[in-house]
Amino acid sequence: MHWQIAWYHQIANFSFLPVTMPELTEVIQTTCNLHGGEFRATLTNYFGTQSLIFDRVEVGLDPMFHVKQPLFFHNSRIFKIPAGKAVVSDPCQLTVHPGQKLYFRISSSFRQTYCDFASTYNTKLTNASLIRRSNHLPTLRTTFTARRGWFSLAQVEVLSGTKAAVIEFTGDSLAEMGLISDELTEQLYLKYPNQLTVLNSGISGNRLLYNAPQDEPLYQTFGTSLAERLPLLMRLHRPKLVICFVGSNDLLLPLISRQAIKQQINPTDFTAQVEELFNLVKMAQSQLLFSNLLPFKLGHGQIHHSANYEQALTLRKLVNSELAHLEPFTSTATAVVKEDQLVPAYDLGDHLHLNQAGGQLLTSQLLPAVEEKLLSISQ
């Protein structure tokens, strides 16, 4: 028996946009694909400057917590997380089955500031809701058109007798939002119960080549580059397959950030970095499935440096052309793209992201490529 990661969502650094609340209750829905008789949860305070205190952490089998158990930390119901640290709950004896949804209710009656933030748009597998009260239960909503955010809960592990294959779905908001990654995860979990687990380490705004710009608080939340993050993720999670959607922000941020305008990319450097990712993953005896760059469009009011806009659109095509020899997953060849534009019916509305229908359609064409990789790994 060993502890196996069953659910993971990347915590982003929101210390630049901290949220202070007089009290807090949040409910987070997670979905596991493993069988086990015990689990434990990891709560973080990586980016805060003071300790966080949660005076109630519970797990339920339904969103109304009709069936629930308290979680403990060192035999105490109080979870105190020092600044810059993470804590792991004591093991909780609760049988978990493949496809099981676990609901976490995390409350604090203390006024404190939260900086460790995660979110999703797809609410099928992961969902969240929060309120500024410690003695109320927020309601989970199931729409796909708004961000559902939460603080601190980063990981759930199950004590399992099965060694499940880990898939790391990483990159930028196309991964983080779950509109592609969770649709794929749902399909994989239905077909391969107790055989694999999919982790989400996407960060909205993340780039491949450069760390987050520092000229605006929002931009600062975009994190360190995937080129820096992926080696650490490989060591932490030891995935057998890495699925990566990243690169659009390397082209977009120089259009809107005054600092990033000095960080223009060229197709050769971009492709060279992708080749380094392939080598890194190969050395770890894993495989990489890298998507080429979907089309994007910005409104003129969003662009500070409009003279570079047409160049960015051209660069995307050149990058995709350079990537072709690496045999990426060609998202641009799927039905969500027509005449090198996102099809309006599959556009979230911002001309940057896919909506639920678009994510489902892209997933239907991504799944066979993923299964081919999994088959080659098993052989």
Protein backbone atom coordinates (compact mmCIF):
# COMPACT_ATOMS: atom_id res chain seq x y z
CA MET A 1 0.00 0.00 0.00
CA HIS A 2 1.25 3.49 -0.80
CA TRP A 3 0.03 7.06 -0.98
CA GLN A 4 -0.98 7.91 -4.54
CA ILE A 5 -1.99 11.36 -5.77
CA ALA A 6 -5.66 11.13 -6.74
CA TRP A 7 -6.42 14.81 -7.37
CA TYR A 8 -4.17 17.82 -7.85
CA HIS A 9 -4.76 21.38 -8.96
CA GLN A 10 -1.97 23.92 -9.30
CA ILE A 11 -2.03 26.68 -6.67
CA ALA A 12 -1.22 30.07 -8.19
CA ASN A 13 0.54 32.97 -6.48
CA PHE A 14 -2.04 35.70 -5.83
CA SER A 15 0.04 37.59 -3.26
CA PHE A 16 -0.07 40.47 -5.74
CA LEU A 17 -3.90 40.40 -5.61
CA PRO A 18 -4.47 39.14 -2.04
CA VAL A 19 -7.99 38.59 -0.73
CA THR A 20 -8.76 39.56 2.87
CA MET A 21 -11.92 38.17 4.42
CA PRO A 22 -13.37 38.59 7.92
CA GLU A 23 -14.49 34.93 7.81
CA LEU A 24 -14.51 32.22 5.16
CA THR A 25 -16.27 29.03 4.20
CA GLU A 26 -15.40 27.33 0.95
CA VAL A 27 -16.60 24.07 -0.56
CA ILE A 28 -14.39 22.29 -3.06
CA GLN A 29 -15.51 19.28 -5.07
CA THR A 30 -12.78 16.86 -6.15
CA THR A 31 -13.00 13.64 -8.17
CA CYS A 32 -10.75 10.60 -7.69
CA ASN A 33 -10.13 7.66 -10.00
CA LEU A 34 -8.55 5.34 -7.44
CA HIS A 35 -9.74 2.80 -4.91
CA GLY A 36 -8.54 2.98 -1.32
CA GLY A 37 -9.62 2.87 2.29
CA GLU A 38 -7.92 6.08 3.46
CA PHE A 39 -7.11 9.50 2.06
CA ARG A 40 -5.36 12.68 3.14
CA ALA A 41 -5.47 16.28 1.89
CA THR A 42 -2.80 18.95 1.42
CA LEU A 43 -3.52 22.60 2.25
CA THR A 44 -1.04 25.33 1.34
CA ASN A 45 0.05 28.79 2.39
CA TYR A 46 3.00 29.05 0.02
CA PHE A 47 2.52 32.71 -0.85
CA GLY A 48 1.09 34.24 2.32
CA THR A 49 3.16 36.33 4.74
CA GLN A 50 1.34 35.20 7.89
CA SER A 51 0.01 31.88 9.15
CA LEU A 52 -3.42 30.76 7.98
CA ILE A 53 -5.82 29.19 10.46
CA PHE A 54 -8.75 26.98 9.48
CA ASP A 55 -10.88 25.94 12.43
CA ARG A 56 -13.03 23.46 10.52
CA VAL A 57 -12.06 21.11 7.71
CA GLU A 58 -14.58 18.44 6.79
CA VAL A 59 -15.04 15.94 4.00
CA GLY A 60 -18.45 14.90 2.70
CA LEU A 61 -19.85 12.51 0.15
CA ASP A 62 -22.45 15.01 -1.08
CA PRO A 63 -22.40 18.81 -1.52
CA MET A 64 -24.85 19.29 1.36
CA PHE A 65 -22.60 17.29 3.72
CA HIS A 66 -25.35 14.97 4.90
CA VAL A 67 -22.61 12.36 5.29
CA LYS A 68 -19.40 13.92 6.56
CA GLN A 69 -16.29 13.44 8.64
CA PRO A 70 -13.93 15.96 10.24
CA LEU A 71 -10.33 16.10 9.14
CA PHE A 72 -7.55 16.46 11.68
CA PHE A 73 -4.04 17.87 11.66
CA HIS A 74 -1.79 16.35 14.32
CA ASN A 75 -4.94 15.10 16.07
CA SER A 76 -6.38 18.62 16.21
CA ARG A 77 -9.32 20.05 14.30
CA ILE A 78 -7.38 23.30 13.92
CA PHE A 79 -5.25 23.57 10.79
CA LYS A 80 -2.51 26.17 11.23
CA ILE A 81 -0.42 26.62 8.10
CA PRO A 82 2.77 28.69 8.52
CA ALA A 83 3.67 31.22 5.84
CA GLY A 84 5.52 29.62 2.96
CA LYS A 85 4.48 26.11 3.94
CA ALA A 86 1.97 23.34 3.23
CA VAL A 87 0.43 20.87 5.68
CA VAL A 88 -0.98 17.40 5.14
CA SER A 89 -4.00 16.23 7.11
CA ASP A 90 -3.94 13.12 9.24
CA PRO A 91 -5.19 10.07 7.30
CA CYS A 92 -8.97 9.87 7.15
CA GLN A 93 -10.53 6.41 7.05
CA LEU A 94 -13.08 6.59 4.26
CA THR A 95 -13.43 4.18 1.38
CA VAL A 96 -12.86 5.92 -1.93
CA HIS A 97 -13.93 4.37 -5.25
CA PRO A 98 -12.99 5.26 -8.85
CA GLY A 99 -15.18 8.15 -9.93
CA GLN A 100 -15.81 9.13 -6.30
CA LYS A 101 -16.52 12.79 -5.62
CA LEU A 102 -15.19 14.12 -2.32
CA TYR A 103 -16.47 17.46 -1.04
CA PHE A 104 -14.27 19.52 1.27
CA ARG A 105 -15.70 22.19 3.54
CA ILE A 106 -12.96 24.50 4.81
CA SER A 107 -13.85 27.29 7.24
CA SER A 108 -12.12 30.05 9.15
CA SER A 109 -13.67 32.37 11.72
CA PHE A 110 -10.55 34.57 11.66
CA ARG A 111 -9.91 37.68 9.62
CA GLN A 112 -7.00 36.77 7.39
CA THR A 113 -5.51 37.25 3.94
CA TYR A 114 -5.44 34.52 1.30
CA CYS A 115 -2.81 34.38 -1.44
CA ASP A 116 -2.87 30.73 -2.58
CA PHE A 117 -5.56 30.58 -5.27
CA ALA A 118 -6.80 27.99 -7.75
CA SER A 119 -9.76 27.96 -10.11
CA THR A 120 -11.69 26.11 -12.78
CA TYR A 121 -14.42 26.80 -15.32
CA ASN A 122 -15.40 23.19 -15.94
CA THR A 123 -17.49 22.09 -12.95
CA LYS A 124 -17.94 18.38 -13.72
CA LEU A 125 -14.95 17.01 -11.83
CA THR A 126 -13.67 19.99 -9.86
CA ASN A 127 -15.92 22.72 -8.56
CA ALA A 128 -15.83 25.33 -5.83
CA SER A 129 -17.79 28.05 -4.10
CA LEU A 130 -17.02 30.35 -1.18
CA ILE A 131 -18.69 32.90 1.07
CA ARG A 132 -17.50 35.44 3.65
CA ARG A 133 -19.07 33.60 6.57
CA SER A 134 -17.74 30.78 8.71
CA ASN A 135 -21.07 29.22 9.68
CA HIS A 136 -22.82 29.00 6.29
CA LEU A 137 -22.61 26.48 3.46
CA PRO A 138 -22.05 27.96 -0.02
CA THR A 139 -23.88 26.42 -2.96
CA LEU A 140 -21.99 24.80 -5.80
CA ARG A 141 -23.08 26.02 -9.23
CA THR A 142 -22.59 24.00 -12.38
CA THR A 143 -22.35 26.54 -15.19
CA PHE A 144 -19.27 26.73 -17.42
CA THR A 145 -19.17 30.49 -18.04
CA ALA A 146 -17.52 31.83 -14.87
CA ARG A 147 -14.43 31.16 -12.82
CA ARG A 148 -14.93 28.99 -9.73
CA GLY A 149 -12.12 29.73 -7.31
CA TRP A 150 -10.89 28.49 -3.96
CA PHE A 151 -7.96 28.89 -1.59
CA SER A 152 -5.29 26.51 -0.30
CA LEU A 153 -6.59 23.00 -1.15
CA ALA A 154 -4.00 21.63 -3.55
CA GLN A 155 -3.95 17.86 -3.42
CA VAL A 156 -5.76 14.69 -2.33
CA GLU A 157 -3.92 11.40 -1.91
CA VAL A 158 -5.45 7.94 -1.54
CA LEU A 159 -3.81 4.99 0.24
CA SER A 160 -3.92 2.55 -2.64
CA GLY A 161 -2.64 -0.87 -3.54
CA THR A 162 -2.59 0.07 -7.23
CA LYS A 163 0.23 1.89 -8.98
CA ALA A 164 -1.74 4.18 -11.27
CA ALA A 165 -0.11 5.97 -14.19
CA VAL A 166 0.09 9.74 -13.70
CA ILE A 167 -0.82 12.13 -16.52
CA GLU A 168 0.26 15.74 -16.08
CA PHE A 169 -1.96 18.21 -17.95
CA THR A 170 -0.08 21.47 -17.87
CA GLY A 171 0.43 24.84 -19.51
CA ASP A 172 -1.68 27.99 -19.42
CA SER A 173 -5.39 28.77 -19.01
CA LEU A 174 -6.33 26.22 -21.68
CA ALA A 175 -5.22 23.63 -19.12
CA GLU A 176 -6.21 25.43 -15.91
CA MET A 177 -9.81 26.16 -16.92
CA GLY A 178 -10.62 22.47 -17.35
CA LEU A 179 -12.63 23.02 -20.51
CA ILE A 180 -10.19 20.73 -22.32
CA SER A 181 -8.33 18.98 -19.50
CA ASP A 182 -11.34 17.93 -17.44
CA GLU A 183 -13.29 16.81 -20.48
CA LEU A 184 -10.36 14.55 -21.33
CA THR A 185 -10.01 13.43 -17.71
CA GLU A 186 -13.67 12.47 -17.53
CA GLN A 187 -13.35 10.28 -20.63
CA LEU A 188 -10.16 8.63 -19.39
CA TYR A 189 -11.62 7.94 -15.95
CA LEU A 190 -14.65 6.24 -17.48
CA LYS A 191 -12.45 4.00 -19.63
CA TYR A 192 -9.62 3.34 -17.17
CA PRO A 193 -10.94 3.21 -13.58
CA ASN A 194 -8.24 2.70 -10.95
CA GLN A 195 -5.54 2.72 -13.65
CA LEU A 196 -4.55 6.36 -13.99
CA THR A 197 -4.86 9.78 -12.43
CA VAL A 198 -4.77 13.16 -14.21
CA LEU A 199 -3.20 16.17 -12.49
CA ASN A 200 -3.83 19.78 -13.53
CA SER A 201 -0.85 22.12 -13.25
CA GLY A 202 -2.03 24.82 -15.64
CA ILE A 203 -1.70 28.49 -14.66
CA SER A 204 -3.70 31.21 -16.36
CA GLY A 205 -1.42 33.56 -18.28
CA ASN A 206 1.57 31.20 -18.07
CA ARG A 207 4.23 31.37 -20.77
CA LEU A 208 6.72 28.84 -22.08
CA LEU A 209 9.82 31.04 -22.29
CA TYR A 210 9.43 33.88 -19.78
CA ASN A 211 8.32 34.39 -16.21
CA ALA A 212 5.35 36.61 -15.39
CA PRO A 213 5.69 40.31 -16.22
CA GLN A 214 5.88 42.53 -13.14
CA ASP A 215 4.28 45.72 -14.46
CA GLU A 216 0.69 44.89 -13.40
CA PRO A 217 -0.59 42.92 -10.37
CA LEU A 218 -2.70 40.63 -12.56
CA TYR A 219 0.24 39.82 -14.80
CA GLN A 220 2.32 38.92 -11.72
CA THR A 221 -0.05 36.02 -11.01
CA PHE A 222 0.96 34.30 -14.26
CA GLY A 223 3.80 32.45 -12.57
CA THR A 224 7.22 31.25 -13.59
CA SER A 225 7.67 29.96 -17.12
CA LEU A 226 6.73 26.39 -17.94
CA ALA A 227 10.35 25.86 -18.96
CA GLU A 228 11.23 26.43 -15.28
CA ARG A 229 8.17 24.72 -13.78
CA LEU A 230 8.15 21.46 -15.69
CA PRO A 231 11.41 20.00 -14.29
CA LEU A 232 10.02 20.42 -10.77
CA LEU A 233 6.66 18.93 -11.74
CA MET A 234 8.44 15.94 -13.27
CA ARG A 235 10.34 15.33 -10.02
CA LEU A 236 7.26 15.79 -7.83
CA HIS A 237 4.69 13.81 -9.80
CA ARG A 238 6.73 11.42 -12.02
CA PRO A 239 4.13 11.47 -14.79
CA LYS A 240 4.18 8.85 -17.51
CA LEU A 241 2.58 11.31 -19.94
CA VAL A 242 2.69 15.10 -20.06
CA ILE A 243 0.04 16.94 -22.09
CA CYS A 244 0.91 20.55 -22.72
CA PHE A 245 -1.07 23.54 -24.01
CA VAL A 246 1.12 26.63 -23.82
CA GLY A 247 2.62 29.33 -26.03
CA SER A 248 -0.14 31.76 -26.91
CA ASN A 249 0.77 34.04 -24.02
CA ASP A 250 4.35 34.24 -25.29
CA LEU A 251 2.81 36.08 -28.25
CA LEU A 252 -0.05 37.88 -26.50
CA LEU A 253 1.64 39.40 -23.45
CA PRO A 254 4.05 41.58 -25.46
CA LEU A 255 0.92 43.21 -26.93
CA ILE A 256 -0.53 44.26 -23.58
CA SER A 257 2.35 44.39 -21.08
CA ARG A 258 4.88 47.23 -21.24
CA GLN A 259 7.52 44.99 -19.70
CA ALA A 260 6.81 42.00 -21.93
CA ILE A 261 7.20 44.09 -25.09
CA LYS A 262 10.93 43.59 -24.53
CA GLN A 263 10.42 39.81 -24.47
CA GLN A 264 9.49 39.16 -28.08
CA ILE A 265 10.00 35.58 -29.21
CA ASN A 266 11.04 34.02 -32.47
CA PRO A 267 9.91 30.65 -33.84
CA THR A 268 13.38 29.10 -33.67
CA ASP A 269 13.86 29.84 -29.96
CA PHE A 270 10.33 28.71 -29.17
CA THR A 271 10.77 25.40 -30.98
CA ALA A 272 14.18 24.88 -29.39
CA GLN A 273 12.60 25.20 -25.96
CA VAL A 274 9.87 22.73 -26.89
CA GLU A 275 12.60 20.32 -28.00
CA GLU A 276 14.19 20.74 -24.56
CA LEU A 277 10.87 19.80 -22.97
CA PHE A 278 10.73 16.67 -25.14
CA ASN A 279 14.26 15.75 -24.02
CA LEU A 280 13.48 16.43 -20.36
CA VAL A 281 10.39 14.23 -20.47
CA LYS A 282 12.19 11.49 -22.40
CA MET A 283 15.02 11.40 -19.84
CA ALA A 284 12.38 10.83 -17.16
CA GLN A 285 11.14 7.83 -19.19
CA SER A 286 7.93 9.65 -19.96
CA GLN A 287 6.31 11.05 -23.08
CA LEU A 288 5.19 14.53 -24.10
CA LEU A 289 2.10 15.41 -26.12
CA PHE A 290 2.51 19.08 -27.05
CA SER A 291 -0.25 21.02 -28.78
CA ASN A 292 0.44 23.56 -31.47
CA LEU A 293 -1.00 27.06 -30.96
CA LEU A 294 -4.71 27.71 -31.46
CA PRO A 295 -5.68 30.97 -33.20
CA PHE A 296 -6.44 34.01 -31.08
CA LYS A 297 -7.79 37.49 -31.57
CA LEU A 298 -7.68 40.64 -29.41
CA GLY A 299 -9.94 43.67 -29.48
CA HIS A 300 -8.21 46.96 -30.26
CA GLY A 301 -9.01 48.33 -26.82
CA GLN A 302 -6.93 45.54 -25.26
CA ILE A 303 -3.77 46.23 -27.25
CA HIS A 304 -1.18 48.76 -26.06
CA HIS A 305 1.21 48.04 -28.88
CA SER A 306 -1.10 47.54 -31.85
CA ALA A 307 1.74 47.87 -34.36
CA ASN A 308 2.91 44.44 -33.25
CA TYR A 309 -0.49 42.74 -33.44
CA GLU A 310 -0.27 41.58 -37.06
CA GLN A 311 3.27 40.40 -36.39
CA ALA A 312 2.00 38.26 -33.48
CA LEU A 313 -0.64 36.66 -35.68
CA THR A 314 2.02 35.86 -38.27
CA LEU A 315 4.40 34.54 -35.60
CA ARG A 316 1.79 32.04 -34.42
CA LYS A 317 1.65 30.52 -37.91
CA LEU A 318 5.44 30.45 -38.13
CA VAL A 319 5.72 28.79 -34.72
CA ASN A 320 3.23 26.13 -35.76
CA SER A 321 5.16 25.56 -38.97
CA GLU A 322 8.43 25.13 -37.02
CA LEU A 323 6.74 22.78 -34.52
CA ALA A 324 5.54 20.46 -37.29
CA HIS A 325 8.75 18.41 -37.35
CA LEU A 326 8.18 17.53 -33.67
CA GLU A 327 4.83 15.95 -34.57
CA PRO A 328 2.73 17.90 -32.06
CA PHE A 329 -0.95 17.39 -31.49
CA THR A 330 -2.38 19.70 -34.16
CA SER A 331 -5.21 21.49 -32.38
CA THR A 332 -5.48 23.73 -35.42
CA ALA A 333 -6.49 20.71 -37.54
CA THR A 334 -9.48 19.89 -35.33
CA ALA A 335 -13.04 21.01 -35.96
CA VAL A 336 -12.81 23.89 -33.45
CA VAL A 337 -10.78 25.83 -36.04
CA LYS A 338 -11.96 26.91 -39.48
CA GLU A 339 -10.09 29.19 -41.87
CA ASP A 340 -7.48 29.69 -39.14
CA GLN A 341 -10.00 31.16 -36.68
CA LEU A 342 -11.82 29.72 -33.70
CA VAL A 343 -15.26 28.64 -34.86
CA PRO A 344 -17.73 31.05 -33.16
CA ALA A 345 -19.89 28.20 -31.86
CA TYR A 346 -16.87 26.88 -29.93
CA ASP A 347 -15.47 30.24 -28.78
CA LEU A 348 -15.88 31.15 -25.10
CA GLY A 349 -16.53 34.69 -26.29
CA ASP A 350 -13.09 36.18 -25.71
CA HIS A 351 -11.59 34.78 -28.94
CA LEU A 352 -8.85 33.18 -26.82
CA HIS A 353 -10.47 30.14 -25.23
CA LEU A 354 -12.81 27.32 -26.13
CA ASN A 355 -16.24 27.01 -24.51
CA GLN A 356 -17.66 23.76 -23.15
CA ALA A 357 -18.76 22.50 -26.57
CA GLY A 358 -15.38 23.38 -28.04
CA GLY A 359 -13.54 21.60 -25.24
CA GLN A 360 -15.66 18.50 -25.74
CA LEU A 361 -15.07 18.50 -29.50
CA LEU A 362 -11.33 19.02 -29.18
CA THR A 363 -11.21 16.27 -26.54
CA SER A 364 -12.89 13.80 -28.89
CA GLN A 365 -9.95 14.28 -31.23
CA LEU A 366 -7.29 14.51 -28.50
CA LEU A 367 -8.35 11.28 -26.77
CA PRO A 368 -7.10 8.88 -29.49
CA ALA A 369 -3.68 10.57 -29.45
CA VAL A 370 -3.53 10.22 -25.66
CA GLU A 371 -4.55 6.56 -25.79
CA GLU A 372 -1.90 5.87 -28.43
CA LYS A 373 0.72 7.34 -26.10
CA LEU A 374 -0.60 5.31 -23.15
CA LEU A 375 -0.46 2.15 -25.23
CA SER A 376 3.14 2.77 -26.20
CA ILE A 377 4.01 3.42 -22.54
CA SER A 378 2.42 0.12 -21.42
CA GLN A 379 4.46 -1.77 -24.01
